[in-house]
Amino acid sequence: MDYIKRNRQIANSFYNLGLEKARLRDLTGAVECLKKSLRFDKYQMDARNLLGLVFYEMGETADALTQWVISMNLKPEGNRADRYLEEIQRKPGQLERESLMIKTYNQALLQIRTDSADLAVMQLAKVAEANPRFVKAQMLLALVDMSNGDYVKAGKSLYRVLQIDKNNPKAQWYMSIVKQNTRREDVEKKKLKNAFSHRQMEDDDTIIPPEYKENTGWGSILNIIAGLVIGMLVIFYLVMPAKTKSLNTAHNQELTRYSQQISDLNQQLAAKTEEYEEAKASAEGMESQLSSIDSDNQAVLAQYQAVIGILQAYRSEDLMTVAQLYTALDPTLISERSVLDIIDEVTQDMTTNGFQVLEELGTASWNGGNVRQAIAYYEKSLEVKPDNTGAMYLLGRAYQQTGDTDNANLWFGKIIDEFPDSEQVEQAKAARGY
């Protein structure tokens, strides 16, 4: 008991820390704290629901739905996650728009890999405009702009990311590169230096005008003429050669200084170029990882939507809807253990009762004139219960009606060879022409 109590206390502490970080819009830090809280206590519903809200705020709708579905499975009654799921489904076309944005984002990733960056920018701009909170799309748009040398646009996208998630480490790193290339970093340093180097004028700082003596008369005129002559001689014989030499020396020194500055700038440019190439390679590696993670988001989102519909259908005891939604499930696309446990329970129920519902759905589709849909339902019924000879016979007759004799005889033969004591064996023989 002490161990369980201690784990709950630690989980609550991490939840409180994650809640505080979320209030300060440190969403990345909040995600880390809330995940740690759930490691110590997976039944911490407040932490799980808040984690879903944080994911939703960052544009990660699939991850948000995952957390809320798990939360509803662990605590079906009195759970805020039920309200979150209903609000998403109540908004017309919400999930469809999310799926379209994910598809567009994945297309942009593919276009970047195929050197179609211009098309990728257009696709990402649409995604960012439709959902400005989609952090990954804003980050990828900034990376593309950086690779194209448009650091001003990249800075705008990164600024939007940091407004949503203030301490996002990738966004902060990319922003530092943007500031270096737009010289924004130098401007900020200069402003800081001027703020601390300003000195006001003191009382004893005075400007003293030069004294002069007024002269008049011929003496002044002669003195002026003599001064001009002497000045011209001094300039011609003494000042000009020295000035010329001084100018040449200063010019040579200035050329040397400029050459050294150019050399230093070239070295800095080479270093920055190498740093940028490393950053670009690292970014491409990260985006490749993001691509592998996000490539199936659209299909995964549809699976979670089906699971939500199944849970709601069970709640209203609508077994027909459960069976219809069950035919669209693909458990291989879901990795969350808790959601897989829900699907296992649904599969067990389908094995006990659902196969008959699927068979009835097939017959109803056939009577409605949709033979192809009927075949799909019969095959799904046989996946749930492989020894259902009634569904086998109906499936064979459905294939027979479509003109697919090979498949029809395959199912009739399966009844005759493997289930000779079944009620449908004589009907199968007659249908096959024995």
Protein backbone atom coordinates (compact mmCIF):
# COMPACT_ATOMS: atom_id res chain seq x y z
CA MET A 1 0.00 0.00 0.00
CA ASP A 2 2.82 2.38 0.80
CA TYR A 3 4.26 1.76 -2.65
CA ILE A 4 0.92 2.50 -4.38
CA LYS A 5 0.36 5.60 -2.25
CA ARG A 6 3.86 6.89 -3.02
CA ASN A 7 3.34 6.37 -6.79
CA ARG A 8 0.06 8.31 -6.64
CA GLN A 9 1.74 11.16 -4.78
CA ILE A 10 4.51 11.32 -7.39
CA ALA A 11 1.93 11.16 -10.21
CA ASN A 12 -0.03 14.04 -8.62
CA SER A 13 3.15 16.09 -8.28
CA PHE A 14 4.00 15.63 -11.96
CA TYR A 15 0.39 16.47 -12.87
CA ASN A 16 0.52 19.71 -10.89
CA LEU A 17 3.84 20.60 -12.52
CA GLY A 18 2.42 19.81 -15.98
CA LEU A 19 -0.68 21.90 -15.24
CA GLU A 20 1.50 24.87 -14.24
CA LYS A 21 3.63 24.52 -17.40
CA ALA A 22 0.47 24.35 -19.53
CA ARG A 23 -0.79 27.58 -17.93
CA LEU A 24 2.52 29.22 -18.84
CA ARG A 25 2.19 27.81 -22.42
CA ASP A 26 5.24 25.62 -22.01
CA LEU A 27 3.40 22.84 -23.84
CA THR A 28 6.46 20.69 -24.56
CA GLY A 29 7.39 20.72 -20.88
CA ALA A 30 3.76 20.01 -19.94
CA VAL A 31 3.69 16.92 -22.21
CA GLU A 32 6.85 15.54 -20.58
CA CYS A 33 5.49 16.07 -17.04
CA LEU A 34 2.06 14.59 -17.82
CA LYS A 35 3.59 11.50 -19.47
CA LYS A 36 5.73 10.97 -16.34
CA SER A 37 2.59 11.32 -14.21
CA LEU A 38 0.88 8.55 -16.22
CA ARG A 39 3.93 6.30 -15.90
CA PHE A 40 3.47 6.33 -12.13
CA ASP A 41 -0.34 6.11 -12.21
CA LYS A 42 -2.15 5.34 -15.45
CA TYR A 43 -5.50 5.97 -13.69
CA GLN A 44 -4.64 9.67 -13.16
CA MET A 45 -7.59 10.83 -15.28
CA ASP A 46 -6.87 14.55 -14.86
CA ALA A 47 -3.34 14.07 -16.21
CA ARG A 48 -4.54 11.95 -19.14
CA ASN A 49 -7.35 14.35 -20.11
CA LEU A 50 -5.01 17.36 -19.79
CA LEU A 51 -2.44 15.58 -21.97
CA GLY A 52 -5.15 15.17 -24.62
CA LEU A 53 -5.99 18.88 -24.38
CA VAL A 54 -2.31 19.83 -24.77
CA PHE A 55 -1.98 17.58 -27.82
CA TYR A 56 -5.14 19.13 -29.28
CA GLU A 57 -3.77 22.65 -28.67
CA MET A 58 -0.61 21.69 -30.60
CA GLY A 59 -2.70 20.38 -33.53
CA GLU A 60 -2.04 16.69 -32.72
CA THR A 61 -5.69 15.57 -32.94
CA ALA A 62 -4.92 11.85 -33.34
CA ASP A 63 -2.82 11.79 -30.14
CA ALA A 64 -5.53 13.75 -28.31
CA LEU A 65 -8.21 11.25 -29.36
CA THR A 66 -5.97 8.38 -28.22
CA GLN A 67 -5.70 9.76 -24.68
CA TRP A 68 -9.44 10.52 -24.41
CA VAL A 69 -10.49 7.09 -25.72
CA ILE A 70 -8.19 5.39 -23.18
CA SER A 71 -9.57 7.67 -20.46
CA MET A 72 -13.16 6.71 -21.33
CA ASN A 73 -12.26 3.02 -21.28
CA LEU A 74 -10.65 3.31 -17.82
CA LYS A 75 -13.45 5.48 -16.39
CA PRO A 76 -16.69 5.36 -18.43
CA GLU A 77 -18.81 7.40 -15.99
CA GLY A 78 -18.35 11.05 -14.94
CA ASN A 79 -15.36 11.59 -17.25
CA ARG A 80 -14.59 14.96 -18.89
CA ALA A 81 -13.13 13.11 -21.88
CA ASP A 82 -16.70 12.16 -22.90
CA ARG A 83 -17.52 15.87 -23.30
CA TYR A 84 -14.33 16.50 -25.31
CA LEU A 85 -15.12 13.64 -27.70
CA GLU A 86 -18.74 14.79 -28.11
CA GLU A 87 -17.64 18.36 -28.84
CA ILE A 88 -15.29 17.17 -31.60
CA GLN A 89 -17.96 14.96 -33.16
CA ARG A 90 -20.61 17.67 -32.80
CA LYS A 91 -18.61 20.08 -34.95
CA PRO A 92 -19.62 19.40 -38.57
CA GLY A 93 -16.74 17.97 -40.58
CA GLN A 94 -14.18 18.45 -37.77
CA LEU A 95 -12.56 15.04 -38.12
CA GLU A 96 -12.70 15.24 -41.93
CA ARG A 97 -10.88 18.58 -41.87
CA GLU A 98 -8.27 17.19 -39.49
CA SER A 99 -7.76 14.19 -41.78
CA LEU A 100 -7.41 16.49 -44.82
CA MET A 101 -4.83 18.65 -43.03
CA ILE A 102 -2.80 15.57 -42.07
CA LYS A 103 -2.99 14.33 -45.68
CA THR A 104 -1.86 17.72 -47.00
CA TYR A 105 0.98 17.82 -44.45
CA ASN A 106 2.14 14.35 -45.53
CA GLN A 107 2.02 15.42 -49.20
CA ALA A 108 4.23 18.39 -48.34
CA LEU A 109 6.76 16.05 -46.70
CA LEU A 110 6.79 13.89 -49.84
CA GLN A 111 7.25 16.95 -52.06
CA ILE A 112 10.22 18.09 -49.96
CA ARG A 113 11.87 14.69 -50.39
CA THR A 114 11.30 14.91 -54.17
CA ASP A 115 12.84 18.40 -54.43
CA SER A 116 9.49 20.15 -54.95
CA ALA A 117 9.93 22.70 -52.17
CA ASP A 118 7.79 25.34 -53.91
CA LEU A 119 4.77 23.05 -53.94
CA ALA A 120 5.49 22.07 -50.34
CA VAL A 121 5.45 25.73 -49.27
CA MET A 122 2.02 26.18 -50.87
CA GLN A 123 0.65 23.05 -49.17
CA LEU A 124 2.09 23.97 -45.77
CA ALA A 125 0.79 27.53 -46.07
CA LYS A 126 -2.72 26.12 -46.57
CA VAL A 127 -2.35 23.87 -43.52
CA ALA A 128 -0.95 26.70 -41.38
CA GLU A 129 -3.78 29.01 -42.48
CA ALA A 130 -6.46 26.37 -41.78
CA ASN A 131 -5.01 25.46 -38.37
CA PRO A 132 -2.43 27.97 -37.06
CA ARG A 133 -2.04 25.77 -33.95
CA PHE A 134 -0.53 22.88 -35.98
CA VAL A 135 2.99 23.20 -34.56
CA LYS A 136 4.60 20.58 -36.82
CA ALA A 137 3.31 22.30 -39.97
CA GLN A 138 4.59 25.70 -38.81
CA MET A 139 8.00 24.16 -37.96
CA LEU A 140 8.28 22.43 -41.34
CA LEU A 141 7.27 25.63 -43.14
CA ALA A 142 10.02 27.49 -41.26
CA LEU A 143 12.59 24.85 -42.24
CA VAL A 144 11.65 25.10 -45.92
CA ASP A 145 11.88 28.91 -45.78
CA MET A 146 15.30 28.64 -44.08
CA SER A 147 16.56 26.27 -46.77
CA ASN A 148 15.37 28.81 -49.40
CA GLY A 149 17.21 31.60 -47.59
CA ASP A 150 14.03 33.43 -46.59
CA TYR A 151 14.83 33.84 -42.90
CA VAL A 152 12.26 36.61 -42.37
CA LYS A 153 9.34 34.31 -43.28
CA ALA A 154 10.91 31.50 -41.27
CA GLY A 155 11.10 33.82 -38.28
CA LYS A 156 7.38 34.61 -38.59
CA SER A 157 6.44 30.91 -38.56
CA LEU A 158 8.73 30.23 -35.60
CA TYR A 159 7.26 33.23 -33.77
CA ARG A 160 3.79 31.67 -34.13
CA VAL A 161 5.14 28.36 -32.77
CA LEU A 162 6.70 30.07 -29.75
CA GLN A 163 3.42 31.88 -29.07
CA ILE A 164 1.74 28.45 -28.80
CA ASP A 165 4.64 26.61 -27.12
CA LYS A 166 7.03 29.11 -25.56
CA ASN A 167 9.80 26.66 -24.65
CA ASN A 168 9.76 24.42 -27.74
CA PRO A 169 13.49 23.49 -27.98
CA LYS A 170 13.52 22.95 -31.75
CA ALA A 171 11.76 26.26 -32.40
CA GLN A 172 14.20 28.10 -30.12
CA TRP A 173 17.18 26.51 -31.91
CA TYR A 174 15.81 27.39 -35.36
CA MET A 175 15.04 30.93 -34.15
CA SER A 176 18.66 31.39 -33.04
CA ILE A 177 19.78 30.46 -36.58
CA VAL A 178 17.25 32.92 -38.03
CA LYS A 179 18.50 35.72 -35.78
CA GLN A 180 22.12 35.06 -36.79
CA ASN A 181 21.28 35.21 -40.48
CA THR A 182 19.08 38.33 -40.18
CA ARG A 183 21.62 40.08 -37.86
CA ARG A 184 18.82 40.43 -35.36
CA GLU A 185 21.11 38.97 -32.71
CA ASP A 186 23.70 41.75 -33.25
CA VAL A 187 20.98 44.42 -33.02
CA GLU A 188 19.74 43.01 -29.72
CA LYS A 189 23.27 42.89 -28.30
CA LYS A 190 23.93 46.49 -29.42
CA LYS A 191 20.73 47.70 -27.79
CA LEU A 192 21.69 45.96 -24.55
CA LYS A 193 25.20 47.48 -24.64
CA ASN A 194 23.87 51.01 -25.27
CA ALA A 195 21.41 50.65 -22.42
CA PHE A 196 24.27 50.14 -19.95
CA SER A 197 26.87 52.50 -21.53
CA HIS A 198 24.85 55.76 -21.59
CA ARG A 199 26.34 58.59 -19.45
CA GLN A 200 24.59 61.84 -18.67
CA MET A 201 26.46 65.18 -18.79
CA GLU A 202 27.82 66.26 -15.39
CA ASP A 203 27.89 69.75 -13.92
CA ASP A 204 31.60 70.35 -14.57
CA ASP A 205 31.41 69.24 -18.25
CA THR A 206 31.56 72.64 -19.97
CA ILE A 207 32.38 73.83 -23.47
CA ILE A 208 35.01 76.58 -23.34
CA PRO A 209 35.14 78.79 -26.48
CA PRO A 210 38.64 79.70 -27.81
CA GLU A 211 39.97 83.14 -27.06
CA TYR A 212 40.92 85.49 -29.87
CA LYS A 213 42.56 88.90 -30.17
CA GLU A 214 41.22 91.53 -32.52
CA ASN A 215 43.85 93.34 -34.62
CA THR A 216 43.34 96.32 -36.95
CA GLY A 217 45.46 98.53 -39.28
CA TRP A 218 48.24 97.97 -41.82
CA GLY A 219 50.17 95.83 -39.46
CA SER A 220 47.40 93.33 -39.48
CA ILE A 221 47.27 93.36 -43.28
CA LEU A 222 51.06 92.80 -43.58
CA ASN A 223 50.94 90.08 -41.01
CA ILE A 224 48.16 88.37 -42.95
CA ILE A 225 50.10 88.57 -46.25
CA ALA A 226 53.33 87.34 -44.60
CA GLY A 227 51.41 84.56 -42.95
CA LEU A 228 49.89 83.51 -46.26
CA VAL A 229 53.28 83.44 -48.00
CA ILE A 230 54.93 81.51 -45.19
CA GLY A 231 51.95 79.20 -45.03
CA MET A 232 52.14 78.46 -48.76
CA LEU A 233 55.89 77.77 -48.53
CA VAL A 234 55.42 75.52 -45.51
CA ILE A 235 52.60 73.64 -47.25
CA PHE A 236 54.58 73.22 -50.49
CA TYR A 237 57.90 72.14 -48.97
CA LEU A 238 56.98 70.54 -45.67
CA VAL A 239 53.32 69.72 -45.31
CA MET A 240 52.56 68.32 -48.77
CA PRO A 241 55.33 65.69 -48.87
CA ALA A 242 54.59 64.62 -45.29
CA LYS A 243 50.86 64.63 -45.97
CA THR A 244 51.32 62.61 -49.14
CA LYS A 245 53.45 60.08 -47.30
CA SER A 246 50.99 60.00 -44.42
CA LEU A 247 48.07 59.47 -46.81
CA ASN A 248 49.89 56.65 -48.59
CA THR A 249 50.73 55.01 -45.29
CA ALA A 250 47.17 55.40 -44.01
CA HIS A 251 45.81 54.11 -47.30
CA ASN A 252 48.05 51.05 -47.16
CA GLN A 253 47.08 50.43 -43.54
CA GLU A 254 43.42 50.79 -44.41
CA LEU A 255 43.78 48.35 -47.30
CA THR A 256 45.52 45.89 -45.00
CA ARG A 257 42.80 46.30 -42.39
CA TYR A 258 40.03 45.83 -44.97
CA SER A 259 41.79 42.76 -46.38
CA GLN A 260 42.01 41.28 -42.89
CA GLN A 261 38.34 42.06 -42.25
CA ILE A 262 37.35 40.44 -45.56
CA SER A 263 39.42 37.39 -44.67
CA ASP A 264 37.77 37.19 -41.23
CA LEU A 265 34.31 37.60 -42.76
CA ASN A 266 35.04 34.86 -45.29
CA GLN A 267 36.09 32.54 -42.47
CA GLN A 268 32.95 33.42 -40.52
CA LEU A 269 30.84 32.86 -43.62
CA ALA A 270 32.44 29.46 -44.19
CA ALA A 271 31.83 28.53 -40.55
CA LYS A 272 28.21 29.72 -40.72
CA THR A 273 27.70 27.88 -43.99
CA GLU A 274 29.04 24.67 -42.47
CA GLU A 275 26.89 25.20 -39.37
CA TYR A 276 23.83 25.80 -41.56
CA GLU A 277 24.51 22.66 -43.62
CA GLU A 278 24.81 20.62 -40.41
CA ALA A 279 21.60 22.16 -39.10
CA LYS A 280 19.85 21.50 -42.41
CA ALA A 281 21.03 17.87 -42.44
CA SER A 282 19.90 17.44 -38.85
CA ALA A 283 16.54 19.04 -39.66
CA GLU A 284 16.09 16.77 -42.68
CA GLY A 285 16.82 13.78 -40.48
CA MET A 286 14.27 14.91 -37.92
CA GLU A 287 11.68 15.63 -40.58
CA SER A 288 12.29 12.18 -42.06
CA GLN A 289 11.53 10.71 -38.65
CA LEU A 290 8.42 12.90 -38.43
CA SER A 291 7.39 11.64 -41.86
CA SER A 292 7.67 8.00 -40.79
CA ILE A 293 5.61 8.77 -37.69
CA ASP A 294 2.94 10.90 -39.40
CA SER A 295 2.57 9.03 -42.71
CA ASP A 296 -0.24 6.82 -41.35
CA ASN A 297 -1.96 9.47 -39.23
CA GLN A 298 -4.92 9.73 -41.53
CA ALA A 299 -5.68 5.99 -41.39
CA VAL A 300 -5.00 5.88 -37.64
CA LEU A 301 -7.41 8.77 -37.07
CA ALA A 302 -10.12 6.84 -38.92
CA GLN A 303 -9.50 3.79 -36.69
CA TYR A 304 -9.86 5.83 -33.50
CA GLN A 305 -13.03 7.37 -34.91
CA ALA A 306 -14.41 3.84 -35.49
CA VAL A 307 -13.51 2.81 -31.91
CA ILE A 308 -15.32 5.88 -30.55
CA GLY A 309 -18.39 5.03 -32.64
CA ILE A 310 -18.34 1.42 -31.37
CA LEU A 311 -18.21 2.55 -27.74
CA GLN A 312 -21.12 4.94 -28.27
CA ALA A 313 -23.11 2.25 -30.12
CA TYR A 314 -22.55 -0.18 -27.23
CA ARG A 315 -23.74 2.50 -24.82
CA SER A 316 -27.02 2.80 -26.78
CA GLU A 317 -27.18 -1.03 -27.25
CA ASP A 318 -27.12 -0.66 -31.04
CA LEU A 319 -25.42 -3.96 -31.94
CA MET A 320 -26.13 -3.48 -35.65
CA THR A 321 -24.05 -0.29 -35.72
CA VAL A 322 -21.32 -2.06 -33.70
CA ALA A 323 -21.14 -4.81 -36.34
CA GLN A 324 -21.04 -2.30 -39.21
CA LEU A 325 -18.22 -0.30 -37.60
CA TYR A 326 -16.37 -3.47 -36.67
CA THR A 327 -15.99 -4.35 -40.35
CA ALA A 328 -13.92 -1.16 -40.83
CA LEU A 329 -11.49 -1.87 -37.97
CA ASP A 330 -7.83 -2.60 -38.72
CA PRO A 331 -6.08 -3.28 -35.36
CA THR A 332 -2.65 -3.34 -37.02
CA LEU A 333 -2.78 0.47 -37.32
CA ILE A 334 -3.20 0.94 -33.54
CA SER A 335 -0.29 0.53 -31.13
CA GLU A 336 -1.85 1.79 -27.87
CA ARG A 337 -2.33 -1.23 -25.59
CA SER A 338 -5.45 0.10 -23.88
CA VAL A 339 -7.24 0.69 -27.21
CA LEU A 340 -6.21 -2.78 -28.43
CA ASP A 341 -7.74 -4.23 -25.25
CA ILE A 342 -11.03 -2.53 -26.19
CA ILE A 343 -10.83 -4.02 -29.71
CA ASP A 344 -10.11 -7.48 -28.24
CA GLU A 345 -13.26 -7.24 -26.12
CA VAL A 346 -15.28 -6.17 -29.18
CA THR A 347 -13.82 -9.08 -31.20
CA GLN A 348 -14.76 -11.54 -28.45
CA ASP A 349 -18.31 -10.19 -28.45
CA MET A 350 -18.44 -10.39 -32.24
CA THR A 351 -17.30 -14.04 -32.06
CA THR A 352 -20.15 -14.82 -29.68
CA ASN A 353 -22.99 -12.75 -31.15
CA GLY A 354 -21.74 -10.43 -33.85
CA PHE A 355 -21.21 -12.97 -36.62
CA GLN A 356 -24.98 -13.47 -36.85
CA VAL A 357 -25.51 -9.71 -37.08
CA LEU A 358 -22.95 -9.51 -39.89
CA GLU A 359 -24.72 -12.35 -41.70
CA GLU A 360 -28.04 -10.50 -41.34
CA LEU A 361 -26.42 -7.33 -42.68
CA GLY A 362 -25.22 -9.28 -45.72
CA THR A 363 -28.70 -10.67 -46.38
CA ALA A 364 -30.22 -7.19 -46.01
CA SER A 365 -27.69 -5.77 -48.49
CA TRP A 366 -28.42 -8.60 -50.93
CA ASN A 367 -32.17 -8.00 -50.69
CA GLY A 368 -31.45 -4.31 -51.30
CA GLY A 369 -29.67 -5.16 -54.56
CA ASN A 370 -26.08 -4.60 -53.35
CA VAL A 371 -24.55 -8.06 -53.85
CA ARG A 372 -20.95 -6.82 -53.52
CA GLN A 373 -21.69 -5.34 -50.10
CA ALA A 374 -23.42 -8.59 -49.11
CA ILE A 375 -20.28 -10.56 -50.07
CA ALA A 376 -18.18 -8.26 -47.88
CA TYR A 377 -20.47 -8.80 -44.87
CA TYR A 378 -20.53 -12.60 -45.35
CA GLU A 379 -16.73 -12.70 -45.56
CA LYS A 380 -16.44 -10.58 -42.43
CA SER A 381 -18.86 -12.91 -40.63
CA LEU A 382 -16.64 -15.85 -41.61
CA GLU A 383 -13.56 -14.03 -40.35
CA VAL A 384 -15.26 -13.80 -36.96
CA LYS A 385 -16.62 -17.37 -37.03
CA PRO A 386 -14.89 -19.51 -39.70
CA ASP A 387 -17.22 -22.54 -39.21
CA ASN A 388 -20.45 -20.61 -39.96
CA THR A 389 -21.75 -22.86 -42.77
CA GLY A 390 -24.85 -20.71 -43.22
CA ALA A 391 -22.69 -17.72 -44.17
CA MET A 392 -20.57 -20.00 -46.40
CA TYR A 393 -23.62 -21.13 -48.37
CA LEU A 394 -24.97 -17.60 -48.74
CA LEU A 395 -21.52 -16.35 -49.80
CA GLY A 396 -21.32 -19.07 -52.47
CA ARG A 397 -24.78 -18.17 -53.77
CA ALA A 398 -23.83 -14.47 -53.83
CA TYR A 399 -20.72 -15.24 -55.88
CA GLN A 400 -22.85 -17.46 -58.11
CA GLN A 401 -25.21 -14.55 -58.79
CA THR A 402 -22.32 -12.28 -59.80
CA GLY A 403 -21.10 -14.91 -62.29
CA ASP A 404 -17.98 -15.79 -60.26
CA THR A 405 -18.37 -19.57 -60.52
CA ASP A 406 -14.87 -20.37 -59.24
CA ASN A 407 -15.36 -18.67 -55.91
CA ALA A 408 -18.91 -19.99 -55.62
CA ASN A 409 -17.76 -23.60 -56.12
CA LEU A 410 -14.88 -22.99 -53.69
CA TRP A 411 -17.29 -22.21 -50.83
CA PHE A 412 -19.79 -24.96 -51.82
CA GLY A 413 -16.89 -27.45 -51.90
CA LYS A 414 -15.68 -26.28 -48.49
CA ILE A 415 -19.10 -27.09 -46.98
CA ILE A 416 -19.22 -30.50 -48.71
CA ASP A 417 -15.63 -31.54 -47.81
CA GLU A 418 -15.18 -30.04 -44.34
CA PHE A 419 -18.72 -29.95 -42.93
CA PRO A 420 -20.54 -33.03 -44.34
CA ASP A 421 -22.95 -33.15 -41.36
CA SER A 422 -24.10 -29.55 -41.65
CA GLU A 423 -27.64 -28.53 -42.59
CA GLN A 424 -26.41 -26.76 -45.72
CA VAL A 425 -24.51 -29.70 -47.26
CA GLU A 426 -27.43 -30.86 -49.47
CA GLN A 427 -28.12 -27.29 -50.59
CA ALA A 428 -24.43 -26.86 -51.44
CA LYS A 429 -24.42 -30.09 -53.49
CA ALA A 430 -27.52 -28.99 -55.36
CA ALA A 431 -26.08 -25.54 -56.04
CA ARG A 432 -22.85 -27.04 -57.34
CA GLY A 433 -24.73 -29.56 -59.52
CA TYR A 434 -23.96 -32.86 -57.77
